[in-house]
Amino acid sequence: EGVALRLPGGEPAYYTMHYADSVKGRFIISEDNAKNTLYLQMT
């Protein structure tokens, strides 16, 4: 099941993100470009 997507395009602040309805408002997908690392903060 897809949980979250980060779609690059332009500046990082304007990347498109998608979330499954079940996690909206609780999960955040982010990244650190300097470390080539993707994160998923789950609360």
All heavy atoms as atom14 arrays in JSON, in Angstrom:
{
  "sequence": "EGVALRLPGGEPAYYTMHYADSVKGRFIISEDNAKNTLYLQMT",
  "atom14_mask": [
    [1, 1, 1, 1, 1, 1, 1, 1, 1, 0, 0, 0, 0, 0],
    [1, 1, 1, 1, 0, 0, 0, 0, 0, 0, 0, 0, 0, 0],
    [1, 1, 1, 1, 1, 1, 1, 0, 0, 0, 0, 0, 0, 0],
    [1, 1, 1, 1, 1, 0, 0, 0, 0, 0, 0, 0, 0, 0],
    [1, 1, 1, 1, 1, 1, 1, 1, 0, 0, 0, 0, 0, 0],
    [1, 1, 1, 1, 1, 1, 1, 1, 1, 1, 1, 0, 0, 0],
    [1, 1, 1, 1, 1, 1, 1, 1, 0, 0, 0, 0, 0, 0],
    [1, 1, 1, 1, 1, 1, 1, 0, 0, 0, 0, 0, 0, 0],
    [1, 1, 1, 1, 0, 0, 0, 0, 0, 0, 0, 0, 0, 0],
    [1, 1, 1, 1, 0, 0, 0, 0, 0, 0, 0, 0, 0, 0],
    [1, 1, 1, 1, 1, 1, 1, 1, 1, 0, 0, 0, 0, 0],
    [1, 1, 1, 1, 1, 1, 1, 0, 0, 0, 0, 0, 0, 0],
    [1, 1, 1, 1, 1, 0, 0, 0, 0, 0, 0, 0, 0, 0],
    [1, 1, 1, 1, 1, 1, 1, 1, 1, 1, 1, 1, 0, 0],
    [1, 1, 1, 1, 1, 1, 1, 1, 1, 1, 1, 1, 0, 0],
    [1, 1, 1, 1, 1, 1, 1, 0, 0, 0, 0, 0, 0, 0],
    [1, 1, 1, 1, 1, 1, 1, 1, 0, 0, 0, 0, 0, 0],
    [1, 1, 1, 1, 1, 1, 1, 1, 1, 1, 0, 0, 0, 0],
    [1, 1, 1, 1, 1, 1, 1, 1, 1, 1, 1, 1, 0, 0],
    [1, 1, 1, 1, 1, 0, 0, 0, 0, 0, 0, 0, 0, 0],
    [1, 1, 1, 1, 1, 1, 1, 1, 0, 0, 0, 0, 0, 0],
    [1, 1, 1, 1, 1, 1, 0, 0, 0, 0, 0, 0, 0, 0],
    [1, 1, 1, 1, 1, 1, 1, 0, 0, 0, 0, 0, 0, 0],
    [1, 1, 1, 1, 1, 1, 1, 1, 1, 0, 0, 0, 0, 0],
    [1, 1, 1, 1, 0, 0, 0, 0, 0, 0, 0, 0, 0, 0],
    [1, 1, 1, 1, 1, 1, 1, 1, 1, 1, 1, 0, 0, 0],
    [1, 1, 1, 1, 1, 1, 1, 1, 1, 1, 1, 0, 0, 0],
    [1, 1, 1, 1, 1, 1, 1, 1, 0, 0, 0, 0, 0, 0],
    [1, 1, 1, 1, 1, 1, 1, 1, 0, 0, 0, 0, 0, 0],
    [1, 1, 1, 1, 1, 1, 0, 0, 0, 0, 0, 0, 0, 0],
    [1, 1, 1, 1, 1, 1, 1, 1, 1, 0, 0, 0, 0, 0],
    [1, 1, 1, 1, 1, 1, 1, 1, 0, 0, 0, 0, 0, 0],
    [1, 1, 1, 1, 1, 1, 1, 1, 0, 0, 0, 0, 0, 0],
    [1, 1, 1, 1, 1, 0, 0, 0, 0, 0, 0, 0, 0, 0],
    [1, 1, 1, 1, 1, 1, 1, 1, 1, 0, 0, 0, 0, 0],
    [1, 1, 1, 1, 1, 1, 1, 1, 0, 0, 0, 0, 0, 0],
    [1, 1, 1, 1, 1, 1, 1, 0, 0, 0, 0, 0, 0, 0],
    [1, 1, 1, 1, 1, 1, 1, 1, 0, 0, 0, 0, 0, 0],
    [1, 1, 1, 1, 1, 1, 1, 1, 1, 1, 1, 1, 0, 0],
    [1, 1, 1, 1, 1, 1, 1, 1, 0, 0, 0, 0, 0, 0],
    [1, 1, 1, 1, 1, 1, 1, 1, 1, 0, 0, 0, 0, 0],
    [1, 1, 1, 1, 1, 1, 1, 1, 0, 0, 0, 0, 0, 0],
    [1, 1, 1, 1, 1, 1, 1, 0, 0, 0, 0, 0, 0, 0]
  ],
  "atom14_positions": [
    [[0.83, -1.2, 0.0], [0.0, 0.0, 0.0], [0.87, 1.26, 0.0], [1.8, 1.36, 0.81], [-0.89, 0.0, 1.25], [-1.65, 1.28, 1.51], [-2.25, 1.34, 2.89], [-1.69, 0.71, 3.83], [-3.27, 2.02, 3.07], [0.0, 0.0, 0.0], [0.0, 0.0, 0.0], [0.0, 0.0, 0.0], [0.0, 0.0, 0.0], [0.0, 0.0, 0.0]],
    [[0.56, 2.19, -0.89], [1.28, 3.45, -0.9], [0.94, 4.28, 0.33], [-0.24, 4.44, 0.65], [0.0, 0.0, 0.0], [0.0, 0.0, 0.0], [0.0, 0.0, 0.0], [0.0, 0.0, 0.0], [0.0, 0.0, 0.0], [0.0, 0.0, 0.0], [0.0, 0.0, 0.0], [0.0, 0.0, 0.0], [0.0, 0.0, 0.0], [0.0, 0.0, 0.0]],
    [[1.96, 4.8, 1.0], [1.77, 5.61, 2.2], [1.99, 7.09, 1.88], [1.19, 7.94, 2.24], [2.72, 5.16, 3.32], [2.6, 6.07, 4.53], [2.43, 3.71, 3.7], [0.0, 0.0, 0.0], [0.0, 0.0, 0.0], [0.0, 0.0, 0.0], [0.0, 0.0, 0.0], [0.0, 0.0, 0.0], [0.0, 0.0, 0.0], [0.0, 0.0, 0.0]],
    [[3.11, 7.39, 1.22], [3.44, 8.77, 0.91], [4.39, 8.82, -0.26], [5.2, 7.92, -0.46], [4.07, 9.46, 2.13], [0.0, 0.0, 0.0], [0.0, 0.0, 0.0], [0.0, 0.0, 0.0], [0.0, 0.0, 0.0], [0.0, 0.0, 0.0], [0.0, 0.0, 0.0], [0.0, 0.0, 0.0], [0.0, 0.0, 0.0], [0.0, 0.0, 0.0]],
    [[4.28, 9.89, -1.03], [5.11, 10.09, -2.22], [5.67, 11.49, -2.22], [4.98, 12.44, -1.85], [4.29, 9.88, -3.48], [4.98, 10.29, -4.79], [5.84, 9.14, -5.29], [3.99, 10.71, -5.85], [0.0, 0.0, 0.0], [0.0, 0.0, 0.0], [0.0, 0.0, 0.0], [0.0, 0.0, 0.0], [0.0, 0.0, 0.0], [0.0, 0.0, 0.0]],
    [[6.93, 11.61, -2.65], [7.53, 12.92, -2.84], [7.97, 12.99, -4.3], [8.76, 12.16, -4.75], [8.7, 13.11, -1.9], [9.24, 14.52, -1.82], [10.15, 14.66, -0.61], [10.87, 15.9, -0.61], [10.42, 17.03, -0.1], [9.22, 17.08, 0.44], [11.15, 18.13, -0.12], [0.0, 0.0, 0.0], [0.0, 0.0, 0.0], [0.0, 0.0, 0.0]],
    [[7.46, 13.98, -5.01], [7.7, 14.1, -6.44], [8.52, 15.34, -6.71], [8.0, 16.46, -6.62], [6.36, 14.19, -7.18], [6.4, 14.26, -8.7], [7.02, 12.99, -9.26], [4.99, 14.44, -9.24], [0.0, 0.0, 0.0], [0.0, 0.0, 0.0], [0.0, 0.0, 0.0], [0.0, 0.0, 0.0], [0.0, 0.0, 0.0], [0.0, 0.0, 0.0]],
    [[9.8, 15.18, -7.03], [10.66, 16.34, -7.27], [10.22, 17.14, -8.48], [9.68, 16.6, -9.45], [12.04, 15.72, -7.5], [11.96, 14.38, -6.9], [10.55, 13.94, -7.08], [0.0, 0.0, 0.0], [0.0, 0.0, 0.0], [0.0, 0.0, 0.0], [0.0, 0.0, 0.0], [0.0, 0.0, 0.0], [0.0, 0.0, 0.0], [0.0, 0.0, 0.0]],
    [[10.46, 18.44, -8.4], [10.16, 19.32, -9.52], [10.36, 20.75, -9.08], [9.6, 21.24, -8.26], [0.0, 0.0, 0.0], [0.0, 0.0, 0.0], [0.0, 0.0, 0.0], [0.0, 0.0, 0.0], [0.0, 0.0, 0.0], [0.0, 0.0, 0.0], [0.0, 0.0, 0.0], [0.0, 0.0, 0.0], [0.0, 0.0, 0.0], [0.0, 0.0, 0.0]],
    [[11.38, 21.41, -9.58], [11.66, 22.77, -9.15], [12.34, 22.79, -7.8], [13.07, 21.88, -7.44], [0.0, 0.0, 0.0], [0.0, 0.0, 0.0], [0.0, 0.0, 0.0], [0.0, 0.0, 0.0], [0.0, 0.0, 0.0], [0.0, 0.0, 0.0], [0.0, 0.0, 0.0], [0.0, 0.0, 0.0], [0.0, 0.0, 0.0], [0.0, 0.0, 0.0]],
    [[12.08, 23.81, -7.04], [12.68, 23.95, -5.73], [12.07, 22.94, -4.75], [10.89, 22.64, -4.83], [12.46, 25.36, -5.19], [13.18, 26.45, -5.99], [14.68, 26.3, -5.92], [15.2, 25.95, -4.85], [15.35, 26.53, -6.96], [0.0, 0.0, 0.0], [0.0, 0.0, 0.0], [0.0, 0.0, 0.0], [0.0, 0.0, 0.0], [0.0, 0.0, 0.0]],
    [[12.9, 22.44, -3.82], [12.39, 21.45, -2.85], [11.15, 21.9, -2.12], [10.27, 21.08, -1.8], [13.57, 21.26, -1.9], [14.77, 21.53, -2.74], [14.35, 22.65, -3.68], [0.0, 0.0, 0.0], [0.0, 0.0, 0.0], [0.0, 0.0, 0.0], [0.0, 0.0, 0.0], [0.0, 0.0, 0.0], [0.0, 0.0, 0.0], [0.0, 0.0, 0.0]],
    [[11.04, 23.19, -1.85], [9.88, 23.68, -1.13], [8.6, 23.5, -1.92], [7.49, 23.55, -1.36], [10.06, 25.15, -0.77], [0.0, 0.0, 0.0], [0.0, 0.0, 0.0], [0.0, 0.0, 0.0], [0.0, 0.0, 0.0], [0.0, 0.0, 0.0], [0.0, 0.0, 0.0], [0.0, 0.0, 0.0], [0.0, 0.0, 0.0], [0.0, 0.0, 0.0]],
    [[8.73, 23.27, -3.23], [7.55, 23.15, -4.08], [7.35, 21.74, -4.62], [6.55, 21.53, -5.53], [7.66, 24.15, -5.25], [7.7, 25.59, -4.78], [8.9, 26.28, -4.73], [6.54, 26.23, -4.37], [8.94, 27.59, -4.28], [6.57, 27.54, -3.93], [7.77, 28.22, -3.89], [7.81, 29.51, -3.44], [0.0, 0.0, 0.0], [0.0, 0.0, 0.0]],
    [[8.07, 20.79, -4.06], [7.85, 19.42, -4.49], [6.41, 19.01, -4.19], [5.83, 19.41, -3.18], [8.79, 18.47, -3.75], [10.24, 18.53, -4.19], [10.66, 19.42, -5.16], [11.18, 17.69, -3.64], [11.98, 19.46, -5.56], [12.51, 17.72, -4.03], [12.9, 18.62, -5.0], [14.21, 18.66, -5.39], [0.0, 0.0, 0.0], [0.0, 0.0, 0.0]],
    [[5.86, 18.19, -5.05], [4.51, 17.66, -4.85], [4.57, 16.45, -3.94], [5.45, 15.61, -4.07], [3.9, 17.25, -6.2], [3.81, 18.41, -7.03], [2.52, 16.66, -6.0], [0.0, 0.0, 0.0], [0.0, 0.0, 0.0], [0.0, 0.0, 0.0], [0.0, 0.0, 0.0], [0.0, 0.0, 0.0], [0.0, 0.0, 0.0], [0.0, 0.0, 0.0]],
    [[3.61, 16.38, -3.02], [3.53, 15.23, -2.13], [2.12, 14.65, -2.12], [1.15, 15.38, -2.27], [3.96, 15.62, -0.72], [5.47, 15.86, -0.61], [5.98, 16.61, 0.94], [5.5, 18.3, 0.63], [0.0, 0.0, 0.0], [0.0, 0.0, 0.0], [0.0, 0.0, 0.0], [0.0, 0.0, 0.0], [0.0, 0.0, 0.0], [0.0, 0.0, 0.0]],
    [[2.07, 13.35, -1.99], [0.79, 12.65, -1.88], [0.84, 11.78, -0.63], [1.89, 11.25, -0.27], [0.55, 11.75, -3.1], [0.34, 12.49, -4.38], [-0.86, 13.06, -4.71], [1.19, 12.76, -5.4], [-0.75, 13.64, -5.9], [0.49, 13.47, -6.33], [0.0, 0.0, 0.0], [0.0, 0.0, 0.0], [0.0, 0.0, 0.0], [0.0, 0.0, 0.0]],
    [[-0.31, 11.64, 0.0], [-0.42, 10.79, 1.18], [-1.67, 9.92, 1.06], [-2.7, 10.35, 0.53], [-0.54, 11.63, 2.45], [0.7, 12.42, 2.8], [0.83, 13.74, 2.39], [1.73, 11.85, 3.55], [1.97, 14.48, 2.7], [2.86, 12.58, 3.88], [2.97, 13.89, 3.45], [4.11, 14.61, 3.77], [0.0, 0.0, 0.0], [0.0, 0.0, 0.0]],
    [[-1.56, 8.72, 1.59], [-2.75, 7.9, 1.73], [-3.71, 8.6, 2.69], [-3.28, 9.24, 3.65], [-2.38, 6.52, 2.27], [0.0, 0.0, 0.0], [0.0, 0.0, 0.0], [0.0, 0.0, 0.0], [0.0, 0.0, 0.0], [0.0, 0.0, 0.0], [0.0, 0.0, 0.0], [0.0, 0.0, 0.0], [0.0, 0.0, 0.0], [0.0, 0.0, 0.0]],
    [[-4.99, 8.48, 2.44], [-5.99, 9.14, 3.29], [-5.83, 8.73, 4.75], [-6.04, 9.54, 5.66], [-7.39, 8.8, 2.81], [-7.75, 9.5, 1.51], [-7.07, 10.48, 1.15], [-8.72, 9.05, 0.86], [0.0, 0.0, 0.0], [0.0, 0.0, 0.0], [0.0, 0.0, 0.0], [0.0, 0.0, 0.0], [0.0, 0.0, 0.0], [0.0, 0.0, 0.0]],
    [[-5.44, 7.5, 4.98], [-5.35, 6.98, 6.35], [-4.22, 7.6, 7.16], [-4.2, 7.47, 8.39], [-5.18, 5.46, 6.31], [-4.0, 5.1, 5.62], [0.0, 0.0, 0.0], [0.0, 0.0, 0.0], [0.0, 0.0, 0.0], [0.0, 0.0, 0.0], [0.0, 0.0, 0.0], [0.0, 0.0, 0.0], [0.0, 0.0, 0.0], [0.0, 0.0, 0.0]],
    [[-3.27, 8.28, 6.49], [-2.14, 8.83, 7.23], [-2.06, 10.35, 7.14], [-1.18, 10.96, 7.77], [-0.8, 8.22, 6.75], [-0.86, 6.7, 6.78], [-0.42, 8.72, 5.37], [0.0, 0.0, 0.0], [0.0, 0.0, 0.0], [0.0, 0.0, 0.0], [0.0, 0.0, 0.0], [0.0, 0.0, 0.0], [0.0, 0.0, 0.0], [0.0, 0.0, 0.0]],
    [[-2.94, 10.96, 6.4], [-2.91, 12.42, 6.26], [-3.03, 13.09, 7.62], [-3.87, 12.71, 8.44], [-4.05, 12.89, 5.35], [-3.79, 12.65, 3.87], [-4.95, 13.14, 3.01], [-4.67, 12.87, 1.54], [-5.82, 13.26, 0.68], [0.0, 0.0, 0.0], [0.0, 0.0, 0.0], [0.0, 0.0, 0.0], [0.0, 0.0, 0.0], [0.0, 0.0, 0.0]],
    [[-2.18, 14.08, 7.83], [-2.18, 14.8, 9.1], [-1.36, 14.13, 10.18], [-1.13, 14.73, 11.24], [0.0, 0.0, 0.0], [0.0, 0.0, 0.0], [0.0, 0.0, 0.0], [0.0, 0.0, 0.0], [0.0, 0.0, 0.0], [0.0, 0.0, 0.0], [0.0, 0.0, 0.0], [0.0, 0.0, 0.0], [0.0, 0.0, 0.0], [0.0, 0.0, 0.0]],
    [[-0.91, 12.9, 9.93], [-0.12, 12.2, 10.94], [1.3, 11.88, 10.45], [2.23, 11.82, 11.25], [-0.81, 10.88, 11.32], [-2.19, 11.07, 11.91], [-2.75, 9.75, 12.45], [-2.92, 8.74, 11.41], [-2.3, 7.56, 11.41], [-1.47, 7.24, 12.39], [-2.52, 6.69, 10.43], [0.0, 0.0, 0.0], [0.0, 0.0, 0.0], [0.0, 0.0, 0.0]],
    [[1.46, 11.65, 9.16], [2.76, 11.3, 8.59], [3.26, 12.45, 7.72], [2.48, 13.13, 7.06], [2.65, 10.05, 7.71], [2.38, 8.77, 8.45], [2.0, 8.74, 9.77], [2.52, 7.55, 7.79], [1.75, 7.55, 10.45], [2.28, 6.35, 8.42], [1.89, 6.36, 9.75], [0.0, 0.0, 0.0], [0.0, 0.0, 0.0], [0.0, 0.0, 0.0]],
    [[4.57, 12.61, 7.7], [5.19, 13.61, 6.84], [6.38, 12.98, 6.12], [7.26, 12.39, 6.76], [5.69, 14.84, 7.64], [4.5, 15.55, 8.3], [6.44, 15.8, 6.72], [4.9, 16.71, 9.18], [0.0, 0.0, 0.0], [0.0, 0.0, 0.0], [0.0, 0.0, 0.0], [0.0, 0.0, 0.0], [0.0, 0.0, 0.0], [0.0, 0.0, 0.0]],
    [[6.38, 13.1, 4.8], [7.52, 12.64, 4.0], [8.43, 13.83, 3.73], [7.97, 14.91, 3.38], [7.04, 11.96, 2.7], [8.23, 11.35, 1.94], [6.26, 12.93, 1.82], [7.81, 10.49, 0.76], [0.0, 0.0, 0.0], [0.0, 0.0, 0.0], [0.0, 0.0, 0.0], [0.0, 0.0, 0.0], [0.0, 0.0, 0.0], [0.0, 0.0, 0.0]],
    [[9.71, 13.63, 3.93], [10.66, 14.71, 3.73], [11.98, 14.11, 3.25], [12.12, 12.89, 3.14], [10.86, 15.51, 5.02], [11.43, 14.68, 6.03], [0.0, 0.0, 0.0], [0.0, 0.0, 0.0], [0.0, 0.0, 0.0], [0.0, 0.0, 0.0], [0.0, 0.0, 0.0], [0.0, 0.0, 0.0], [0.0, 0.0, 0.0], [0.0, 0.0, 0.0]],
    [[12.95, 14.98, 3.01], [14.24, 14.48, 2.55], [15.34, 15.45, 2.89], [15.1, 16.63, 3.15], [14.2, 14.23, 1.04], [13.94, 15.48, 0.22], [13.64, 15.16, -1.24], [13.39, 13.99, -1.56], [13.66, 16.08, -2.04], [0.0, 0.0, 0.0], [0.0, 0.0, 0.0], [0.0, 0.0, 0.0], [0.0, 0.0, 0.0], [0.0, 0.0, 0.0]],
    [[16.54, 14.91, 2.91], [17.75, 15.71, 3.08], [18.59, 15.46, 1.83], [19.22, 14.41, 1.7], [18.49, 15.27, 4.34], [19.72, 16.13, 4.62], [20.29, 16.69, 3.66], [20.13, 16.2, 5.79], [0.0, 0.0, 0.0], [0.0, 0.0, 0.0], [0.0, 0.0, 0.0], [0.0, 0.0, 0.0], [0.0, 0.0, 0.0], [0.0, 0.0, 0.0]],
    [[18.59, 16.42, 0.92], [19.28, 16.22, -0.36], [20.78, 16.07, -0.18], [21.44, 15.36, -0.94], [18.98, 17.39, -1.3], [17.55, 17.38, -1.79], [16.94, 16.32, -1.88], [17.0, 18.54, -2.08], [0.0, 0.0, 0.0], [0.0, 0.0, 0.0], [0.0, 0.0, 0.0], [0.0, 0.0, 0.0], [0.0, 0.0, 0.0], [0.0, 0.0, 0.0]],
    [[21.33, 16.71, 0.83], [22.77, 16.61, 1.06], [23.18, 15.19, 1.45], [24.32, 14.78, 1.25], [23.19, 17.6, 2.13], [0.0, 0.0, 0.0], [0.0, 0.0, 0.0], [0.0, 0.0, 0.0], [0.0, 0.0, 0.0], [0.0, 0.0, 0.0], [0.0, 0.0, 0.0], [0.0, 0.0, 0.0], [0.0, 0.0, 0.0], [0.0, 0.0, 0.0]],
    [[22.25, 14.45, 2.01], [22.53, 13.08, 2.46], [21.87, 12.03, 1.59], [21.94, 10.83, 1.91], [22.06, 12.91, 3.91], [22.75, 13.81, 4.91], [22.22, 13.57, 6.31], [22.91, 14.45, 7.33], [22.39, 14.24, 8.71], [0.0, 0.0, 0.0], [0.0, 0.0, 0.0], [0.0, 0.0, 0.0], [0.0, 0.0, 0.0], [0.0, 0.0, 0.0]],
    [[21.21, 12.46, 0.51], [20.46, 11.51, -0.33], [19.55, 10.62, 0.51], [19.47, 9.41, 0.31], [21.41, 10.62, -1.14], [22.26, 11.41, -2.11], [21.93, 12.53, -2.46], [23.35, 10.81, -2.53], [0.0, 0.0, 0.0], [0.0, 0.0, 0.0], [0.0, 0.0, 0.0], [0.0, 0.0, 0.0], [0.0, 0.0, 0.0], [0.0, 0.0, 0.0]],
    [[18.88, 11.22, 1.46], [18.09, 10.44, 2.41], [16.65, 10.91, 2.42], [16.37, 12.1, 2.48], [18.68, 10.54, 3.82], [20.02, 10.05, 3.79], [17.87, 9.73, 4.81], [0.0, 0.0, 0.0], [0.0, 0.0, 0.0], [0.0, 0.0, 0.0], [0.0, 0.0, 0.0], [0.0, 0.0, 0.0], [0.0, 0.0, 0.0], [0.0, 0.0, 0.0]],
    [[15.77, 9.95, 2.37], [14.33, 10.16, 2.43], [13.85, 9.78, 3.82], [14.34, 8.81, 4.4], [13.63, 9.29, 1.38], [12.13, 9.39, 1.23], [11.75, 10.73, 0.6], [11.6, 8.23, 0.4], [0.0, 0.0, 0.0], [0.0, 0.0, 0.0], [0.0, 0.0, 0.0], [0.0, 0.0, 0.0], [0.0, 0.0, 0.0], [0.0, 0.0, 0.0]],
    [[12.9, 10.53, 4.36], [12.39, 10.26, 5.7], [10.87, 10.09, 5.68], [10.18, 10.59, 4.79], [12.72, 11.42, 6.65], [14.19, 11.68, 6.8], [14.79, 12.76, 6.14], [14.99, 10.89, 7.62], [16.14, 13.02, 6.28], [16.35, 11.14, 7.76], [16.91, 12.2, 7.08], [18.26, 12.45, 7.21], [0.0, 0.0, 0.0], [0.0, 0.0, 0.0]],
    [[10.37, 9.4, 6.68], [8.94, 9.35, 6.93], [8.75, 9.53, 8.43], [9.04, 8.63, 9.22], [8.32, 8.03, 6.48], [6.79, 7.96, 6.62], [6.13, 8.93, 5.64], [6.27, 6.54, 6.39], [0.0, 0.0, 0.0], [0.0, 0.0, 0.0], [0.0, 0.0, 0.0], [0.0, 0.0, 0.0], [0.0, 0.0, 0.0], [0.0, 0.0, 0.0]],
    [[8.29, 10.72, 8.81], [7.98, 10.99, 10.22], [6.55, 10.54, 10.48], [5.62, 11.03, 9.84], [8.13, 12.48, 10.51], [7.76, 12.85, 11.95], [8.75, 12.29, 12.96], [9.94, 12.56, 12.9], [8.23, 11.52, 13.9], [0.0, 0.0, 0.0], [0.0, 0.0, 0.0], [0.0, 0.0, 0.0], [0.0, 0.0, 0.0], [0.0, 0.0, 0.0]],
    [[6.4, 9.63, 11.4], [5.09, 9.07, 11.71], [4.72, 9.44, 13.14], [5.47, 9.15, 14.07], [5.11, 7.55, 11.55], [5.61, 7.09, 10.19], [5.5, 5.31, 9.96], [6.68, 4.75, 11.16], [0.0, 0.0, 0.0], [0.0, 0.0, 0.0], [0.0, 0.0, 0.0], [0.0, 0.0, 0.0], [0.0, 0.0, 0.0], [0.0, 0.0, 0.0]],
    [[3.58, 10.07, 13.32], [3.1, 10.44, 14.63], [1.68, 9.93, 14.84], [1.03, 9.48, 13.89], [3.11, 11.97, 14.81], [2.27, 12.57, 13.82], [4.52, 12.53, 14.67], [0.0, 0.0, 0.0], [0.0, 0.0, 0.0], [0.0, 0.0, 0.0], [0.0, 0.0, 0.0], [0.0, 0.0, 0.0], [0.0, 0.0, 0.0], [0.0, 0.0, 0.0]]
  ]
}
